[in-house]
Amino acid sequence: SGGGLVQAGGSLSLTCADSGRTFSTYAMAWFRQAP
């Protein structure tokens, strides 16, 4: 969550919720995919 539309130079804060605690003992990462 946390995505949106911003102008160049702006800021955003994204959050990843692991409510199932699937990765509580693992490393985690962010990825992205452009069109």
All heavy atoms as atom14 arrays in JSON, in Angstrom:
{
  "sequence": "SGGGLVQAGGSLSLTCADSGRTFSTYAMAWFRQAP",
  "atom14_mask": [
    [1, 1, 1, 1, 1, 1, 0, 0, 0, 0, 0, 0, 0, 0],
    [1, 1, 1, 1, 0, 0, 0, 0, 0, 0, 0, 0, 0, 0],
    [1, 1, 1, 1, 0, 0, 0, 0, 0, 0, 0, 0, 0, 0],
    [1, 1, 1, 1, 0, 0, 0, 0, 0, 0, 0, 0, 0, 0],
    [1, 1, 1, 1, 1, 1, 1, 1, 0, 0, 0, 0, 0, 0],
    [1, 1, 1, 1, 1, 1, 1, 0, 0, 0, 0, 0, 0, 0],
    [1, 1, 1, 1, 1, 1, 1, 1, 1, 0, 0, 0, 0, 0],
    [1, 1, 1, 1, 1, 0, 0, 0, 0, 0, 0, 0, 0, 0],
    [1, 1, 1, 1, 0, 0, 0, 0, 0, 0, 0, 0, 0, 0],
    [1, 1, 1, 1, 0, 0, 0, 0, 0, 0, 0, 0, 0, 0],
    [1, 1, 1, 1, 1, 1, 0, 0, 0, 0, 0, 0, 0, 0],
    [1, 1, 1, 1, 1, 1, 1, 1, 0, 0, 0, 0, 0, 0],
    [1, 1, 1, 1, 1, 1, 0, 0, 0, 0, 0, 0, 0, 0],
    [1, 1, 1, 1, 1, 1, 1, 1, 0, 0, 0, 0, 0, 0],
    [1, 1, 1, 1, 1, 1, 1, 0, 0, 0, 0, 0, 0, 0],
    [1, 1, 1, 1, 1, 1, 0, 0, 0, 0, 0, 0, 0, 0],
    [1, 1, 1, 1, 1, 0, 0, 0, 0, 0, 0, 0, 0, 0],
    [1, 1, 1, 1, 1, 1, 1, 1, 0, 0, 0, 0, 0, 0],
    [1, 1, 1, 1, 1, 1, 0, 0, 0, 0, 0, 0, 0, 0],
    [1, 1, 1, 1, 0, 0, 0, 0, 0, 0, 0, 0, 0, 0],
    [1, 1, 1, 1, 1, 1, 1, 1, 1, 1, 1, 0, 0, 0],
    [1, 1, 1, 1, 1, 1, 1, 0, 0, 0, 0, 0, 0, 0],
    [1, 1, 1, 1, 1, 1, 1, 1, 1, 1, 1, 0, 0, 0],
    [1, 1, 1, 1, 1, 1, 0, 0, 0, 0, 0, 0, 0, 0],
    [1, 1, 1, 1, 1, 1, 1, 0, 0, 0, 0, 0, 0, 0],
    [1, 1, 1, 1, 1, 1, 1, 1, 1, 1, 1, 1, 0, 0],
    [1, 1, 1, 1, 1, 0, 0, 0, 0, 0, 0, 0, 0, 0],
    [1, 1, 1, 1, 1, 1, 1, 1, 0, 0, 0, 0, 0, 0],
    [1, 1, 1, 1, 1, 0, 0, 0, 0, 0, 0, 0, 0, 0],
    [1, 1, 1, 1, 1, 1, 1, 1, 1, 1, 1, 1, 1, 1],
    [1, 1, 1, 1, 1, 1, 1, 1, 1, 1, 1, 0, 0, 0],
    [1, 1, 1, 1, 1, 1, 1, 1, 1, 1, 1, 0, 0, 0],
    [1, 1, 1, 1, 1, 1, 1, 1, 1, 0, 0, 0, 0, 0],
    [1, 1, 1, 1, 1, 0, 0, 0, 0, 0, 0, 0, 0, 0],
    [1, 1, 1, 1, 1, 1, 1, 0, 0, 0, 0, 0, 0, 0]
  ],
  "atom14_positions": [
    [[0.83, -1.19, 0.0], [0.0, 0.0, 0.0], [0.87, 1.25, 0.0], [2.07, 1.17, 0.25], [-0.94, 0.02, 1.21], [-0.2, 0.08, 2.42], [0.0, 0.0, 0.0], [0.0, 0.0, 0.0], [0.0, 0.0, 0.0], [0.0, 0.0, 0.0], [0.0, 0.0, 0.0], [0.0, 0.0, 0.0], [0.0, 0.0, 0.0], [0.0, 0.0, 0.0]],
    [[0.26, 2.38, -0.28], [0.96, 3.65, -0.22], [1.29, 4.28, -1.55], [1.8, 5.41, -1.59], [0.0, 0.0, 0.0], [0.0, 0.0, 0.0], [0.0, 0.0, 0.0], [0.0, 0.0, 0.0], [0.0, 0.0, 0.0], [0.0, 0.0, 0.0], [0.0, 0.0, 0.0], [0.0, 0.0, 0.0], [0.0, 0.0, 0.0], [0.0, 0.0, 0.0]],
    [[1.03, 3.58, -2.64], [1.33, 4.14, -3.95], [0.4, 5.29, -4.29], [-0.58, 5.55, -3.62], [0.0, 0.0, 0.0], [0.0, 0.0, 0.0], [0.0, 0.0, 0.0], [0.0, 0.0, 0.0], [0.0, 0.0, 0.0], [0.0, 0.0, 0.0], [0.0, 0.0, 0.0], [0.0, 0.0, 0.0], [0.0, 0.0, 0.0], [0.0, 0.0, 0.0]],
    [[0.75, 5.98, -5.37], [-0.05, 7.11, -5.8], [0.61, 7.86, -6.92], [1.59, 7.4, -7.5], [0.0, 0.0, 0.0], [0.0, 0.0, 0.0], [0.0, 0.0, 0.0], [0.0, 0.0, 0.0], [0.0, 0.0, 0.0], [0.0, 0.0, 0.0], [0.0, 0.0, 0.0], [0.0, 0.0, 0.0], [0.0, 0.0, 0.0], [0.0, 0.0, 0.0]],
    [[0.06, 9.03, -7.23], [0.57, 9.89, -8.28], [1.29, 11.08, -7.66], [0.71, 11.79, -6.84], [-0.58, 10.37, -9.17], [-0.25, 11.42, -10.23], [0.73, 10.84, -11.26], [-1.52, 11.89, -10.92], [0.0, 0.0, 0.0], [0.0, 0.0, 0.0], [0.0, 0.0, 0.0], [0.0, 0.0, 0.0], [0.0, 0.0, 0.0], [0.0, 0.0, 0.0]],
    [[2.54, 11.27, -8.04], [3.32, 12.4, -7.53], [4.1, 13.04, -8.67], [4.33, 12.42, -9.71], [4.31, 11.97, -6.43], [3.56, 11.4, -5.23], [5.29, 10.93, -6.96], [0.0, 0.0, 0.0], [0.0, 0.0, 0.0], [0.0, 0.0, 0.0], [0.0, 0.0, 0.0], [0.0, 0.0, 0.0], [0.0, 0.0, 0.0], [0.0, 0.0, 0.0]],
    [[4.5, 14.28, -8.46], [5.33, 14.97, -9.43], [6.79, 14.61, -9.22], [7.19, 14.21, -8.13], [5.14, 16.48, -9.31], [3.75, 16.97, -9.67], [3.62, 18.48, -9.6], [4.45, 19.15, -9.0], [2.58, 19.01, -10.22], [0.0, 0.0, 0.0], [0.0, 0.0, 0.0], [0.0, 0.0, 0.0], [0.0, 0.0, 0.0], [0.0, 0.0, 0.0]],
    [[7.58, 14.74, -10.27], [9.0, 14.49, -10.16], [9.6, 15.32, -9.03], [9.29, 16.49, -8.88], [9.69, 14.8, -11.48], [0.0, 0.0, 0.0], [0.0, 0.0, 0.0], [0.0, 0.0, 0.0], [0.0, 0.0, 0.0], [0.0, 0.0, 0.0], [0.0, 0.0, 0.0], [0.0, 0.0, 0.0], [0.0, 0.0, 0.0], [0.0, 0.0, 0.0]],
    [[10.46, 14.68, -8.25], [11.06, 15.34, -7.11], [10.31, 15.13, -5.82], [10.82, 15.46, -4.74], [0.0, 0.0, 0.0], [0.0, 0.0, 0.0], [0.0, 0.0, 0.0], [0.0, 0.0, 0.0], [0.0, 0.0, 0.0], [0.0, 0.0, 0.0], [0.0, 0.0, 0.0], [0.0, 0.0, 0.0], [0.0, 0.0, 0.0], [0.0, 0.0, 0.0]],
    [[9.12, 14.57, -5.91], [8.3, 14.33, -4.74], [8.66, 13.06, -4.01], [9.62, 12.38, -4.35], [0.0, 0.0, 0.0], [0.0, 0.0, 0.0], [0.0, 0.0, 0.0], [0.0, 0.0, 0.0], [0.0, 0.0, 0.0], [0.0, 0.0, 0.0], [0.0, 0.0, 0.0], [0.0, 0.0, 0.0], [0.0, 0.0, 0.0], [0.0, 0.0, 0.0]],
    [[7.86, 12.75, -2.99], [8.13, 11.59, -2.15], [6.89, 10.75, -1.92], [5.77, 11.25, -1.98], [8.67, 12.05, -0.78], [9.86, 12.8, -0.91], [0.0, 0.0, 0.0], [0.0, 0.0, 0.0], [0.0, 0.0, 0.0], [0.0, 0.0, 0.0], [0.0, 0.0, 0.0], [0.0, 0.0, 0.0], [0.0, 0.0, 0.0], [0.0, 0.0, 0.0]],
    [[7.1, 9.48, -1.67], [6.05, 8.55, -1.3], [6.61, 7.55, -0.31], [7.8, 7.26, -0.32], [5.51, 7.8, -2.52], [4.49, 8.48, -3.42], [4.18, 7.58, -4.61], [3.21, 8.8, -2.67], [0.0, 0.0, 0.0], [0.0, 0.0, 0.0], [0.0, 0.0, 0.0], [0.0, 0.0, 0.0], [0.0, 0.0, 0.0], [0.0, 0.0, 0.0]],
    [[5.73, 7.01, 0.51], [6.12, 5.99, 1.46], [5.24, 4.76, 1.25], [4.02, 4.84, 1.34], [5.96, 6.5, 2.9], [6.33, 5.5, 3.84], [0.0, 0.0, 0.0], [0.0, 0.0, 0.0], [0.0, 0.0, 0.0], [0.0, 0.0, 0.0], [0.0, 0.0, 0.0], [0.0, 0.0, 0.0], [0.0, 0.0, 0.0], [0.0, 0.0, 0.0]],
    [[5.87, 3.63, 0.96], [5.15, 2.39, 0.72], [5.25, 1.48, 1.94], [6.25, 1.49, 2.66], [5.71, 1.65, -0.49], [5.83, 2.44, -1.79], [6.35, 1.53, -2.9], [4.5, 3.06, -2.17], [0.0, 0.0, 0.0], [0.0, 0.0, 0.0], [0.0, 0.0, 0.0], [0.0, 0.0, 0.0], [0.0, 0.0, 0.0], [0.0, 0.0, 0.0]],
    [[4.22, 0.68, 2.14], [4.2, -0.25, 3.26], [3.83, -1.65, 2.77], [2.95, -1.8, 1.93], [3.18, 0.18, 4.33], [3.56, 1.45, 4.87], [3.15, -0.83, 5.48], [0.0, 0.0, 0.0], [0.0, 0.0, 0.0], [0.0, 0.0, 0.0], [0.0, 0.0, 0.0], [0.0, 0.0, 0.0], [0.0, 0.0, 0.0], [0.0, 0.0, 0.0]],
    [[4.52, -2.64, 3.28], [4.25, -4.04, 3.0], [3.82, -4.69, 4.31], [4.58, -4.71, 5.27], [5.5, -4.72, 2.45], [5.34, -6.51, 2.22], [0.0, 0.0, 0.0], [0.0, 0.0, 0.0], [0.0, 0.0, 0.0], [0.0, 0.0, 0.0], [0.0, 0.0, 0.0], [0.0, 0.0, 0.0], [0.0, 0.0, 0.0], [0.0, 0.0, 0.0]],
    [[2.6, -5.2, 4.34], [2.07, -5.83, 5.55], [2.13, -7.35, 5.44], [1.54, -7.93, 4.54], [0.64, -5.37, 5.78], [0.0, 0.0, 0.0], [0.0, 0.0, 0.0], [0.0, 0.0, 0.0], [0.0, 0.0, 0.0], [0.0, 0.0, 0.0], [0.0, 0.0, 0.0], [0.0, 0.0, 0.0], [0.0, 0.0, 0.0], [0.0, 0.0, 0.0]],
    [[2.84, -7.96, 6.38], [2.97, -9.41, 6.43], [2.15, -9.91, 7.61], [2.69, -10.38, 8.61], [4.45, -9.79, 6.58], [4.67, -11.3, 6.59], [3.78, -12.05, 6.13], [5.75, -11.73, 7.04], [0.0, 0.0, 0.0], [0.0, 0.0, 0.0], [0.0, 0.0, 0.0], [0.0, 0.0, 0.0], [0.0, 0.0, 0.0], [0.0, 0.0, 0.0]],
    [[0.84, -9.8, 7.49], [-0.05, -10.15, 8.59], [0.01, -11.63, 8.96], [-0.28, -12.0, 10.1], [-1.49, -9.75, 8.27], [-1.97, -10.4, 7.1], [0.0, 0.0, 0.0], [0.0, 0.0, 0.0], [0.0, 0.0, 0.0], [0.0, 0.0, 0.0], [0.0, 0.0, 0.0], [0.0, 0.0, 0.0], [0.0, 0.0, 0.0], [0.0, 0.0, 0.0]],
    [[0.4, -12.47, 8.02], [0.51, -13.9, 8.28], [1.85, -14.31, 8.86], [2.06, -15.49, 9.11], [0.0, 0.0, 0.0], [0.0, 0.0, 0.0], [0.0, 0.0, 0.0], [0.0, 0.0, 0.0], [0.0, 0.0, 0.0], [0.0, 0.0, 0.0], [0.0, 0.0, 0.0], [0.0, 0.0, 0.0], [0.0, 0.0, 0.0], [0.0, 0.0, 0.0]],
    [[2.72, -13.36, 9.05], [4.07, -13.59, 9.6], [4.85, -14.62, 8.78], [5.66, -15.37, 9.32], [3.99, -14.0, 11.06], [3.45, -12.92, 11.99], [3.38, -13.41, 13.43], [3.11, -12.32, 14.35], [1.89, -11.85, 14.62], [0.84, -12.37, 14.02], [1.74, -10.87, 15.48], [0.0, 0.0, 0.0], [0.0, 0.0, 0.0], [0.0, 0.0, 0.0]],
    [[4.62, -14.64, 7.51], [5.27, -15.58, 6.62], [6.78, -15.38, 6.57], [7.55, -16.35, 6.5], [4.7, -15.47, 5.2], [3.28, -15.67, 5.24], [5.34, -16.51, 4.28], [0.0, 0.0, 0.0], [0.0, 0.0, 0.0], [0.0, 0.0, 0.0], [0.0, 0.0, 0.0], [0.0, 0.0, 0.0], [0.0, 0.0, 0.0], [0.0, 0.0, 0.0]],
    [[7.22, -14.14, 6.65], [8.63, -13.82, 6.49], [9.26, -13.21, 7.73], [10.22, -12.45, 7.64], [8.82, -12.9, 5.28], [8.29, -13.47, 4.01], [7.11, -13.0, 3.45], [8.96, -14.51, 3.38], [6.61, -13.55, 2.28], [8.48, -15.06, 2.22], [7.3, -14.59, 1.66], [0.0, 0.0, 0.0], [0.0, 0.0, 0.0], [0.0, 0.0, 0.0]],
    [[8.72, -13.56, 8.89], [9.23, -12.99, 10.13], [10.68, -13.37, 10.42], [11.37, -12.65, 11.14], [8.34, -13.41, 11.31], [8.33, -14.83, 11.45], [0.0, 0.0, 0.0], [0.0, 0.0, 0.0], [0.0, 0.0, 0.0], [0.0, 0.0, 0.0], [0.0, 0.0, 0.0], [0.0, 0.0, 0.0], [0.0, 0.0, 0.0], [0.0, 0.0, 0.0]],
    [[11.14, -14.48, 9.86], [12.52, -14.92, 10.07], [13.32, -14.93, 8.77], [14.39, -15.53, 8.7], [12.57, -16.32, 10.7], [11.93, -17.26, 9.84], [11.89, -16.32, 12.06], [0.0, 0.0, 0.0], [0.0, 0.0, 0.0], [0.0, 0.0, 0.0], [0.0, 0.0, 0.0], [0.0, 0.0, 0.0], [0.0, 0.0, 0.0], [0.0, 0.0, 0.0]],
    [[12.82, -14.26, 7.76], [13.48, -14.2, 6.46], [13.79, -12.76, 6.08], [13.23, -11.81, 6.62], [12.59, -14.8, 5.37], [12.4, -16.29, 5.47], [11.38, -16.82, 6.25], [13.23, -17.16, 4.76], [11.2, -18.19, 6.34], [13.04, -18.53, 4.85], [12.03, -19.04, 5.63], [11.84, -20.4, 5.72], [0.0, 0.0, 0.0], [0.0, 0.0, 0.0]],
    [[14.67, -12.62, 5.11], [14.91, -11.32, 4.52], [13.71, -10.95, 3.66], [12.95, -11.81, 3.23], [16.18, -11.36, 3.67], [0.0, 0.0, 0.0], [0.0, 0.0, 0.0], [0.0, 0.0, 0.0], [0.0, 0.0, 0.0], [0.0, 0.0, 0.0], [0.0, 0.0, 0.0], [0.0, 0.0, 0.0], [0.0, 0.0, 0.0], [0.0, 0.0, 0.0]],
    [[13.54, -9.66, 3.43], [12.44, -9.19, 2.59], [12.97, -8.16, 1.6], [14.05, -7.6, 1.79], [11.32, -8.59, 3.43], [10.65, -9.59, 4.36], [9.24, -8.89, 5.28], [8.03, -8.74, 3.94], [0.0, 0.0, 0.0], [0.0, 0.0, 0.0], [0.0, 0.0, 0.0], [0.0, 0.0, 0.0], [0.0, 0.0, 0.0], [0.0, 0.0, 0.0]],
    [[12.2, -7.93, 0.56], [12.67, -7.02, -0.47], [11.52, -6.36, -1.21], [10.38, -6.84, -1.19], [13.55, -7.77, -1.48], [0.0, 0.0, 0.0], [0.0, 0.0, 0.0], [0.0, 0.0, 0.0], [0.0, 0.0, 0.0], [0.0, 0.0, 0.0], [0.0, 0.0, 0.0], [0.0, 0.0, 0.0], [0.0, 0.0, 0.0], [0.0, 0.0, 0.0]],
    [[11.83, -5.25, -1.84], [10.92, -4.54, -2.72], [11.36, -4.75, -4.16], [12.56, -4.73, -4.46], [10.89, -3.04, -2.41], [10.16, -2.68, -1.16], [10.7, -2.47, 0.07], [8.75, -2.5, -1.03], [9.72, -2.16, 0.97], [8.51, -2.16, 0.33], [7.68, -2.56, -1.9], [7.22, -1.91, 0.81], [6.4, -2.31, -1.42], [6.18, -1.99, -0.08]],
    [[10.39, -4.92, -5.03], [10.62, -5.07, -6.46], [9.68, -4.13, -7.19], [8.72, -3.63, -6.61], [10.35, -6.51, -6.91], [11.13, -7.55, -6.15], [10.67, -8.04, -4.95], [12.33, -8.03, -6.66], [11.39, -9.0, -4.24], [13.06, -8.99, -5.97], [12.59, -9.46, -4.76], [0.0, 0.0, 0.0], [0.0, 0.0, 0.0], [0.0, 0.0, 0.0]],
    [[9.94, -3.9, -8.45], [9.03, -3.07, -9.24], [9.02, -3.56, -10.68], [9.97, -4.15, -11.16], [9.42, -1.6, -9.17], [10.75, -1.25, -9.83], [11.11, 0.2, -9.57], [12.35, 0.59, -10.22], [12.94, 1.78, -10.05], [12.39, 2.69, -9.25], [14.07, 2.05, -10.68], [0.0, 0.0, 0.0], [0.0, 0.0, 0.0], [0.0, 0.0, 0.0]],
    [[7.92, -3.28, -11.34], [7.77, -3.66, -12.74], [7.09, -2.54, -13.5], [5.95, -2.19, -13.2], [6.98, -4.96, -12.87], [6.92, -5.5, -14.29], [6.4, -6.92, -14.35], [5.66, -7.35, -13.47], [6.78, -7.65, -15.38], [0.0, 0.0, 0.0], [0.0, 0.0, 0.0], [0.0, 0.0, 0.0], [0.0, 0.0, 0.0], [0.0, 0.0, 0.0]],
    [[7.79, -2.0, -14.46], [7.26, -0.96, -15.32], [6.64, -1.6, -16.55], [6.99, -2.72, -16.92], [8.37, 0.01, -15.72], [0.0, 0.0, 0.0], [0.0, 0.0, 0.0], [0.0, 0.0, 0.0], [0.0, 0.0, 0.0], [0.0, 0.0, 0.0], [0.0, 0.0, 0.0], [0.0, 0.0, 0.0], [0.0, 0.0, 0.0], [0.0, 0.0, 0.0]],
    [[5.71, -0.9, -17.21], [5.08, -1.45, -18.42], [6.11, -1.85, -19.47], [7.01, -1.08, -19.79], [4.21, -0.29, -18.91], [3.9, 0.49, -17.67], [5.15, 0.42, -16.86], [0.0, 0.0, 0.0], [0.0, 0.0, 0.0], [0.0, 0.0, 0.0], [0.0, 0.0, 0.0], [0.0, 0.0, 0.0], [0.0, 0.0, 0.0], [0.0, 0.0, 0.0]]
  ]
}
